[in-house]
Amino acid sequence: MKKLFIYMVSAVLGMGSLSSCKSVMQETAGVVEVNGISLAYIVEGEGKPVILLHGNGGSHKDLETTTHQLAKAGYKVYVIDSRGQGENKPLSEYHYKDMAEDMYQFIDKLGIVKPAIFGWSDGGNNALLLELMHPNTCSLMATSGANLFPKGLLPEEYENMVKEKNPSPLLKMMIDEPDMTFEDMKNIQVPVLVMAGENDAIQRSHTEQIASNIPKGKVMIIPGEDHISYILHNKKVGKILLKYFKENGY
């Protein structure tokens, strides 16, 4: 089973990064200056806005299958390379709150009104933080494999990261952050679908508690899947999102 640590390490060390898979997606649509840094992004489709956020060490290419599905279904899909990742210049230090603020300023600068947001792994952490820092920025949200604090991961996953002798800046962030609580989740007022694979790198109880503390939260555990398998170049998550959007009139 592919786990979070394996994915993140391969990506940040360049050892067969999952984001290096050949892409049929359009070239980068633009670069925007936000929060003191540059963010590369692509846009596909027309309709209600949807923002997709990738995981640690990845890029917009990881979510290309989902991007195509949503665009074909009639949504305008923005896919962002998070700070220091993808086509952006690497940084020496990372923090989730900076990334959440990046997203807020991106939305504001491009004039995007109340988008739906889907975040996978770190992208899910950033989406939750965005709503805590800037309430009601989005219309609704979905997360996959998000965690509120490092020990929300399976113990062996957390121990593997801590054992690294020279952690990269991205890995160090995962070891030390994020720093949210279940109580914080009660402040998120938009609908949130909280997903994880049955064999995820995140503790199932952690995922369930995130959902149960969000007033309009809903949990979904995907049978037979891990942290990556139903997301990366897979149509399953796109189908789930389209159904969820329809259920919420989006």
C-alpha atoms as a PDB file:
ATOM      1  CA  MET A   1       0.000   0.000   0.000  1.00  0.00           C
ATOM      2  CA  LYS A   2       1.352   3.410  -1.004  1.00  0.00           C
ATOM      3  CA  LYS A   3       1.475   5.690   1.992  1.00  0.00           C
ATOM      4  CA  LEU A   4       1.715   9.424   2.581  1.00  0.00           C
ATOM      5  CA  PHE A   5       5.392   9.358   3.580  1.00  0.00           C
ATOM      6  CA  ILE A   6       6.416   7.417   0.466  1.00  0.00           C
ATOM      7  CA  TYR A   7       4.531   9.829  -1.791  1.00  0.00           C
ATOM      8  CA  MET A   8       5.878  12.953  -0.134  1.00  0.00           C
ATOM      9  CA  VAL A   9       9.505  11.784  -0.007  1.00  0.00           C
ATOM     10  CA  SER A  10       9.525  10.663  -3.654  1.00  0.00           C
ATOM     11  CA  ALA A  11       8.098  14.012  -4.691  1.00  0.00           C
ATOM     12  CA  VAL A  12      10.339  16.371  -2.749  1.00  0.00           C
ATOM     13  CA  LEU A  13      13.509  14.383  -3.447  1.00  0.00           C
ATOM     14  CA  GLY A  14      12.683  13.981  -7.123  1.00  0.00           C
ATOM     15  CA  MET A  15      12.760  10.195  -6.913  1.00  0.00           C
ATOM     16  CA  GLY A  16      10.029   9.396  -9.407  1.00  0.00           C
ATOM     17  CA  SER A  17       7.615  12.098  -8.315  1.00  0.00           C
ATOM     18  CA  LEU A  18       4.017  11.184  -8.931  1.00  0.00           C
ATOM     19  CA  SER A  19       3.501  14.661 -10.330  1.00  0.00           C
ATOM     20  CA  SER A  20       5.981  13.904 -13.124  1.00  0.00           C
ATOM     21  CA  CYS A  21       3.489  11.681 -14.971  1.00  0.00           C
ATOM     22  CA  LYS A  22       2.945  12.761 -18.568  1.00  0.00           C
ATOM     23  CA  SER A  23       0.126  15.285 -18.746  1.00  0.00           C
ATOM     24  CA  VAL A  24      -2.366  15.998 -21.501  1.00  0.00           C
ATOM     25  CA  MET A  25      -3.538  19.109 -19.652  1.00  0.00           C
ATOM     26  CA  GLN A  26      -3.094  22.542 -21.128  1.00  0.00           C
ATOM     27  CA  GLU A  27       0.018  24.535 -20.338  1.00  0.00           C
ATOM     28  CA  THR A  28       0.107  26.798 -17.301  1.00  0.00           C
ATOM     29  CA  ALA A  29      -2.527  29.495 -17.773  1.00  0.00           C
ATOM     30  CA  GLY A  30      -0.832  32.092 -15.687  1.00  0.00           C
ATOM     31  CA  VAL A  31       1.217  33.202 -12.722  1.00  0.00           C
ATOM     32  CA  VAL A  32      -0.183  35.452 -10.011  1.00  0.00           C
ATOM     33  CA  GLU A  33       1.647  37.365  -7.296  1.00  0.00           C
ATOM     34  CA  VAL A  34       0.084  36.780  -3.872  1.00  0.00           C
ATOM     35  CA  ASN A  35       1.303  36.974  -0.286  1.00  0.00           C
ATOM     36  CA  GLY A  36       4.855  37.802  -1.309  1.00  0.00           C
ATOM     37  CA  ILE A  37       5.308  34.854  -3.690  1.00  0.00           C
ATOM     38  CA  SER A  38       4.354  33.717  -7.209  1.00  0.00           C
ATOM     39  CA  LEU A  39       1.780  30.980  -7.827  1.00  0.00           C
ATOM     40  CA  ALA A  40       1.461  29.134 -11.123  1.00  0.00           C
ATOM     41  CA  TYR A  41      -2.010  27.898 -12.005  1.00  0.00           C
ATOM     42  CA  ILE A  42      -4.136  26.558 -14.864  1.00  0.00           C
ATOM     43  CA  VAL A  43      -7.788  27.117 -15.687  1.00  0.00           C
ATOM     44  CA  GLU A  44     -10.057  24.749 -17.600  1.00  0.00           C
ATOM     45  CA  GLY A  45     -13.743  24.896 -18.479  1.00  0.00           C
ATOM     46  CA  GLU A  46     -16.555  27.383 -17.947  1.00  0.00           C
ATOM     47  CA  GLY A  47     -19.236  27.583 -15.272  1.00  0.00           C
ATOM     48  CA  LYS A  48     -19.332  27.769 -11.511  1.00  0.00           C
ATOM     49  CA  PRO A  49     -15.819  28.017 -10.032  1.00  0.00           C
ATOM     50  CA  VAL A  50     -14.027  25.066  -8.453  1.00  0.00           C
ATOM     51  CA  ILE A  51     -10.530  25.209  -6.951  1.00  0.00           C
ATOM     52  CA  LEU A  52      -8.404  22.054  -6.663  1.00  0.00           C
ATOM     53  CA  LEU A  53      -5.463  21.852  -4.244  1.00  0.00           C
ATOM     54  CA  HIS A  54      -2.819  19.124  -4.527  1.00  0.00           C
ATOM     55  CA  GLY A  55      -0.813  17.360  -1.825  1.00  0.00           C
ATOM     56  CA  ASN A  56       2.667  17.856  -0.376  1.00  0.00           C
ATOM     57  CA  GLY A  57       5.429  17.899  -2.990  1.00  0.00           C
ATOM     58  CA  GLY A  58       3.003  17.576  -5.901  1.00  0.00           C
ATOM     59  CA  SER A  59       1.552  19.837  -8.558  1.00  0.00           C
ATOM     60  CA  HIS A  60      -1.599  20.575 -10.530  1.00  0.00           C
ATOM     61  CA  LYS A  61      -0.740  17.602 -12.764  1.00  0.00           C
ATOM     62  CA  ASP A  62      -1.653  15.180  -9.979  1.00  0.00           C
ATOM     63  CA  LEU A  63      -5.284  16.278 -10.297  1.00  0.00           C
ATOM     64  CA  GLU A  64      -5.521  16.460 -14.085  1.00  0.00           C
ATOM     65  CA  THR A  65      -8.077  13.638 -14.372  1.00  0.00           C
ATOM     66  CA  THR A  66     -10.381  15.317 -11.863  1.00  0.00           C
ATOM     67  CA  THR A  67      -9.826  18.665 -13.592  1.00  0.00           C
ATOM     68  CA  HIS A  68     -10.973  17.274 -16.949  1.00  0.00           C
ATOM     69  CA  GLN A  69     -14.024  15.589 -15.379  1.00  0.00           C
ATOM     70  CA  LEU A  70     -15.231  18.719 -13.627  1.00  0.00           C
ATOM     71  CA  ALA A  71     -14.573  20.971 -16.623  1.00  0.00           C
ATOM     72  CA  LYS A  72     -16.448  18.594 -18.910  1.00  0.00           C
ATOM     73  CA  ALA A  73     -19.359  18.605 -16.437  1.00  0.00           C
ATOM     74  CA  GLY A  74     -19.708  22.381 -16.714  1.00  0.00           C
ATOM     75  CA  TYR A  75     -17.421  23.899 -14.070  1.00  0.00           C
ATOM     76  CA  LYS A  76     -14.610  26.423 -14.361  1.00  0.00           C
ATOM     77  CA  VAL A  77     -11.713  24.652 -12.662  1.00  0.00           C
ATOM     78  CA  TYR A  78      -8.709  26.454 -11.202  1.00  0.00           C
ATOM     79  CA  VAL A  79      -5.793  24.203 -10.258  1.00  0.00           C
ATOM     80  CA  ILE A  80      -2.980  25.852  -8.333  1.00  0.00           C
ATOM     81  CA  ASP A  81       0.607  24.783  -7.746  1.00  0.00           C
ATOM     82  CA  SER A  82       1.070  25.461  -4.025  1.00  0.00           C
ATOM     83  CA  ARG A  83       3.894  27.761  -2.957  1.00  0.00           C
ATOM     84  CA  GLY A  84       7.338  26.357  -3.639  1.00  0.00           C
ATOM     85  CA  GLN A  85       5.943  23.334  -5.487  1.00  0.00           C
ATOM     86  CA  GLY A  86       5.117  22.326  -9.050  1.00  0.00           C
ATOM     87  CA  GLU A  87       6.217  25.113 -11.388  1.00  0.00           C
ATOM     88  CA  ASN A  88       6.906  27.526  -8.546  1.00  0.00           C
ATOM     89  CA  LYS A  89      10.375  28.291  -7.218  1.00  0.00           C
ATOM     90  CA  PRO A  90      11.258  26.096  -4.180  1.00  0.00           C
ATOM     91  CA  LEU A  91      11.406  27.783  -0.795  1.00  0.00           C
ATOM     92  CA  SER A  92      13.561  27.213   2.275  1.00  0.00           C
ATOM     93  CA  GLU A  93      10.639  27.214   4.708  1.00  0.00           C
ATOM     94  CA  TYR A  94       6.946  26.308   4.552  1.00  0.00           C
ATOM     95  CA  HIS A  95       3.895  26.824   6.757  1.00  0.00           C
ATOM     96  CA  TYR A  96       0.298  25.772   6.204  1.00  0.00           C
ATOM     97  CA  LYS A  97      -1.063  29.160   7.275  1.00  0.00           C
ATOM     98  CA  ASP A  98       0.987  30.837   4.555  1.00  0.00           C
ATOM     99  CA  MET A  99      -0.481  28.453   1.990  1.00  0.00           C
ATOM    100  CA  ALA A 100      -4.026  29.101   3.222  1.00  0.00           C
ATOM    101  CA  GLU A 101      -3.428  32.839   2.946  1.00  0.00           C
ATOM    102  CA  ASP A 102      -2.038  32.296  -0.553  1.00  0.00           C
ATOM    103  CA  MET A 103      -5.342  30.670  -1.512  1.00  0.00           C
ATOM    104  CA  TYR A 104      -7.387  33.509  -0.064  1.00  0.00           C
ATOM    105  CA  GLN A 105      -5.392  36.142  -1.911  1.00  0.00           C
ATOM    106  CA  PHE A 106      -5.544  34.071  -5.116  1.00  0.00           C
ATOM    107  CA  ILE A 107      -9.343  33.969  -4.889  1.00  0.00           C
ATOM    108  CA  ASP A 108      -9.515  37.681  -4.153  1.00  0.00           C
ATOM    109  CA  LYS A 109      -7.062  38.742  -6.844  1.00  0.00           C
ATOM    110  CA  LEU A 110      -8.758  36.727  -9.594  1.00  0.00           C
ATOM    111  CA  GLY A 111     -12.205  37.864  -8.468  1.00  0.00           C
ATOM    112  CA  ILE A 112     -13.477  34.329  -7.879  1.00  0.00           C
ATOM    113  CA  VAL A 113     -16.807  34.394  -6.046  1.00  0.00           C
ATOM    114  CA  LYS A 114     -17.626  31.694  -3.471  1.00  0.00           C
ATOM    115  CA  PRO A 115     -15.926  28.737  -5.191  1.00  0.00           C
ATOM    116  CA  ALA A 116     -16.237  25.098  -4.298  1.00  0.00           C
ATOM    117  CA  ILE A 117     -12.863  23.858  -3.024  1.00  0.00           C
ATOM    118  CA  PHE A 118     -11.418  20.349  -3.071  1.00  0.00           C
ATOM    119  CA  GLY A 119      -8.160  19.712  -1.234  1.00  0.00           C
ATOM    120  CA  TRP A 120      -6.213  16.480  -1.183  1.00  0.00           C
ATOM    121  CA  SER A 121      -3.844  15.747   1.728  1.00  0.00           C
ATOM    122  CA  ASP A 122      -1.963  19.026   2.393  1.00  0.00           C
ATOM    123  CA  GLY A 123      -4.459  20.672   0.071  1.00  0.00           C
ATOM    124  CA  GLY A 124      -7.229  19.568   2.433  1.00  0.00           C
ATOM    125  CA  ASN A 125      -5.352  21.002   5.412  1.00  0.00           C
ATOM    126  CA  ASN A 126      -5.002  24.288   3.543  1.00  0.00           C
ATOM    127  CA  ALA A 127      -8.682  24.363   2.595  1.00  0.00           C
ATOM    128  CA  LEU A 128      -9.777  23.880   6.209  1.00  0.00           C
ATOM    129  CA  LEU A 129      -7.354  26.566   7.381  1.00  0.00           C
ATOM    130  CA  LEU A 130      -8.605  28.923   4.692  1.00  0.00           C
ATOM    131  CA  GLU A 131     -12.161  28.700   6.049  1.00  0.00           C
ATOM    132  CA  LEU A 132     -10.944  29.178   9.619  1.00  0.00           C
ATOM    133  CA  MET A 133      -8.870  32.223   8.703  1.00  0.00           C
ATOM    134  CA  HIS A 134     -11.385  33.703   6.247  1.00  0.00           C
ATOM    135  CA  PRO A 135     -14.870  32.319   7.026  1.00  0.00           C
ATOM    136  CA  ASN A 136     -17.336  31.730   4.184  1.00  0.00           C
ATOM    137  CA  THR A 137     -14.777  32.232   1.454  1.00  0.00           C
ATOM    138  CA  CYS A 138     -16.111  29.137  -0.308  1.00  0.00           C
ATOM    139  CA  SER A 139     -19.596  27.814  -1.042  1.00  0.00           C
ATOM    140  CA  LEU A 140     -18.749  24.269  -0.054  1.00  0.00           C
ATOM    141  CA  MET A 141     -15.689  22.117   0.423  1.00  0.00           C
ATOM    142  CA  ALA A 142     -14.415  18.566   0.139  1.00  0.00           C
ATOM    143  CA  THR A 143     -11.194  17.183   1.585  1.00  0.00           C
ATOM    144  CA  SER A 144      -9.353  13.887   1.127  1.00  0.00           C
ATOM    145  CA  GLY A 145      -6.792  12.631   3.628  1.00  0.00           C
ATOM    146  CA  ALA A 146      -6.607  15.867   5.630  1.00  0.00           C
ATOM    147  CA  ASN A 147      -5.223  16.053   9.164  1.00  0.00           C
ATOM    148  CA  LEU A 148      -5.580  18.748  11.810  1.00  0.00           C
ATOM    149  CA  PHE A 149      -2.286  17.988  13.557  1.00  0.00           C
ATOM    150  CA  PRO A 150       0.690  15.690  12.800  1.00  0.00           C
ATOM    151  CA  LYS A 151      -0.377  12.880  15.116  1.00  0.00           C
ATOM    152  CA  GLY A 152      -3.604  12.549  13.176  1.00  0.00           C
ATOM    153  CA  LEU A 153      -1.498  10.367  10.885  1.00  0.00           C
ATOM    154  CA  LEU A 154      -1.088   6.671  11.591  1.00  0.00           C
ATOM    155  CA  PRO A 155       1.629   6.244  14.224  1.00  0.00           C
ATOM    156  CA  GLU A 156       3.972   4.465  11.810  1.00  0.00           C
ATOM    157  CA  GLU A 157       3.555   7.248   9.249  1.00  0.00           C
ATOM    158  CA  TYR A 158       4.434   9.924  11.789  1.00  0.00           C
ATOM    159  CA  GLU A 159       7.385   7.893  13.122  1.00  0.00           C
ATOM    160  CA  ASN A 160       8.777   7.431   9.596  1.00  0.00           C
ATOM    161  CA  MET A 161       8.809  11.178   9.071  1.00  0.00           C
ATOM    162  CA  VAL A 162      10.372  11.957  12.446  1.00  0.00           C
ATOM    163  CA  LYS A 163      13.154   9.437  11.776  1.00  0.00           C
ATOM    164  CA  GLU A 164      14.415  11.381   8.780  1.00  0.00           C
ATOM    165  CA  LYS A 165      17.856  12.741   9.703  1.00  0.00           C
ATOM    166  CA  ASN A 166      17.789  15.718   7.333  1.00  0.00           C
ATOM    167  CA  PRO A 167      14.139  16.517   6.651  1.00  0.00           C
ATOM    168  CA  SER A 168      13.391  18.704   3.672  1.00  0.00           C
ATOM    169  CA  PRO A 169      11.525  21.961   4.337  1.00  0.00           C
ATOM    170  CA  LEU A 170       8.281  20.359   3.143  1.00  0.00           C
ATOM    171  CA  LEU A 171       8.773  17.327   5.368  1.00  0.00           C
ATOM    172  CA  LYS A 172       9.649  19.506   8.345  1.00  0.00           C
ATOM    173  CA  MET A 173       6.337  21.303   7.920  1.00  0.00           C
ATOM    174  CA  MET A 174       4.501  17.975   8.038  1.00  0.00           C
ATOM    175  CA  ILE A 175       6.358  16.965  11.203  1.00  0.00           C
ATOM    176  CA  ASP A 176       5.558  20.214  13.031  1.00  0.00           C
ATOM    177  CA  GLU A 177       2.222  21.288  11.555  1.00  0.00           C
ATOM    178  CA  PRO A 178      -0.684  21.864  11.067  1.00  0.00           C
ATOM    179  CA  ASP A 179      -1.922  23.091  14.436  1.00  0.00           C
ATOM    180  CA  MET A 180      -5.711  22.901  14.303  1.00  0.00           C
ATOM    181  CA  THR A 181      -8.118  21.328  16.805  1.00  0.00           C
ATOM    182  CA  PHE A 182     -11.411  19.472  16.592  1.00  0.00           C
ATOM    183  CA  GLU A 183     -12.953  22.406  18.448  1.00  0.00           C
ATOM    184  CA  ASP A 184     -11.794  24.714  15.620  1.00  0.00           C
ATOM    185  CA  MET A 185     -13.881  22.704  13.172  1.00  0.00           C
ATOM    186  CA  LYS A 186     -17.072  23.948  14.851  1.00  0.00           C
ATOM    187  CA  ASN A 187     -16.352  27.370  13.340  1.00  0.00           C
ATOM    188  CA  ILE A 188     -16.569  26.130   9.753  1.00  0.00           C
ATOM    189  CA  GLN A 189     -20.101  26.907   8.593  1.00  0.00           C
ATOM    190  CA  VAL A 190     -20.011  25.725   4.961  1.00  0.00           C
ATOM    191  CA  PRO A 191     -20.818  22.130   3.950  1.00  0.00           C
ATOM    192  CA  VAL A 192     -17.725  19.925   4.008  1.00  0.00           C
ATOM    193  CA  LEU A 193     -17.335  16.383   2.682  1.00  0.00           C
ATOM    194  CA  VAL A 194     -14.469  14.804   4.651  1.00  0.00           C
ATOM    195  CA  MET A 195     -13.027  11.821   2.781  1.00  0.00           C
ATOM    196  CA  ALA A 196     -10.306   9.274   3.412  1.00  0.00           C
ATOM    197  CA  GLY A 197      -9.410   5.870   2.037  1.00  0.00           C
ATOM    198  CA  GLU A 198     -10.157   2.771   4.064  1.00  0.00           C
ATOM    199  CA  ASN A 199      -6.390   2.185   4.170  1.00  0.00           C
ATOM    200  CA  ASP A 200      -5.405   5.840   4.421  1.00  0.00           C
ATOM    201  CA  ALA A 201      -2.292   7.263   6.072  1.00  0.00           C
ATOM    202  CA  ILE A 202      -4.643   9.271   8.299  1.00  0.00           C
ATOM    203  CA  GLN A 203      -6.230   7.588  11.302  1.00  0.00           C
ATOM    204  CA  ARG A 204      -9.858   6.770  10.550  1.00  0.00           C
ATOM    205  CA  SER A 205     -10.984   8.122  13.922  1.00  0.00           C
ATOM    206  CA  HIS A 206      -9.225  11.397  13.118  1.00  0.00           C
ATOM    207  CA  THR A 207     -11.110  11.735   9.829  1.00  0.00           C
ATOM    208  CA  GLU A 208     -14.402  10.908  11.505  1.00  0.00           C
ATOM    209  CA  GLN A 209     -13.830  13.469  14.249  1.00  0.00           C
ATOM    210  CA  ILE A 210     -13.039  16.202  11.740  1.00  0.00           C
ATOM    211  CA  ALA A 211     -16.387  15.575  10.039  1.00  0.00           C
ATOM    212  CA  SER A 212     -18.406  15.202  13.232  1.00  0.00           C
ATOM    213  CA  ASN A 213     -17.203  18.556  14.578  1.00  0.00           C
ATOM    214  CA  ILE A 214     -18.053  20.522  11.428  1.00  0.00           C
ATOM    215  CA  PRO A 215     -21.709  21.600  11.717  1.00  0.00           C
ATOM    216  CA  LYS A 216     -22.408  20.663   8.076  1.00  0.00           C
ATOM    217  CA  GLY A 217     -19.731  17.991   7.883  1.00  0.00           C
ATOM    218  CA  LYS A 218     -20.178  14.593   6.250  1.00  0.00           C
ATOM    219  CA  VAL A 219     -17.684  11.744   6.413  1.00  0.00           C
ATOM    220  CA  MET A 220     -16.968   9.291   3.595  1.00  0.00           C
ATOM    221  CA  ILE A 221     -14.529   6.396   3.949  1.00  0.00           C
ATOM    222  CA  ILE A 222     -13.685   4.984   0.510  1.00  0.00           C
ATOM    223  CA  PRO A 223     -13.565   1.142   0.624  1.00  0.00           C
ATOM    224  CA  GLY A 224     -10.343  -0.517  -0.502  1.00  0.00           C
ATOM    225  CA  GLU A 225      -8.503   2.761  -1.166  1.00  0.00           C
ATOM    226  CA  ASP A 226      -5.438   4.317   0.422  1.00  0.00           C
ATOM    227  CA  HIS A 227      -4.214   7.917   0.680  1.00  0.00           C
ATOM    228  CA  ILE A 228      -3.477   8.151  -3.045  1.00  0.00           C
ATOM    229  CA  SER A 229      -5.219   5.440  -5.035  1.00  0.00           C
ATOM    230  CA  TYR A 230      -8.632   7.038  -5.646  1.00  0.00           C
ATOM    231  CA  ILE A 231      -7.164  10.508  -6.296  1.00  0.00           C
ATOM    232  CA  LEU A 232      -4.098  10.355  -8.520  1.00  0.00           C
ATOM    233  CA  HIS A 233      -5.143  10.059 -12.192  1.00  0.00           C
ATOM    234  CA  ASN A 234      -8.327   8.307 -11.049  1.00  0.00           C
ATOM    235  CA  LYS A 235     -11.920   9.153 -12.020  1.00  0.00           C
ATOM    236  CA  LYS A 236     -13.370   7.962  -8.712  1.00  0.00           C
ATOM    237  CA  VAL A 237     -12.898  11.173  -6.743  1.00  0.00           C
ATOM    238  CA  GLY A 238     -14.276  13.272  -9.607  1.00  0.00           C
ATOM    239  CA  LYS A 239     -17.467  11.223  -9.641  1.00  0.00           C
ATOM    240  CA  ILE A 240     -17.795  11.653  -5.885  1.00  0.00           C
ATOM    241  CA  LEU A 241     -17.310  15.408  -6.157  1.00  0.00           C
ATOM    242  CA  LEU A 242     -19.859  15.800  -8.949  1.00  0.00           C
ATOM    243  CA  LYS A 243     -22.446  13.899  -6.918  1.00  0.00           C
ATOM    244  CA  TYR A 244     -21.667  15.993  -3.837  1.00  0.00           C
ATOM    245  CA  PHE A 245     -21.937  19.252  -5.769  1.00  0.00           C
ATOM    246  CA  LYS A 246     -25.313  18.173  -7.174  1.00  0.00           C
ATOM    247  CA  GLU A 247     -26.594  17.194  -3.730  1.00  0.00           C
ATOM    248  CA  ASN A 248     -25.744  20.699  -2.508  1.00  0.00           C
ATOM    249  CA  GLY A 249     -27.206  22.498  -5.501  1.00  0.00           C
ATOM    250  CA  TYR A 250     -23.834  23.634  -6.797  1.00  0.00           C
END
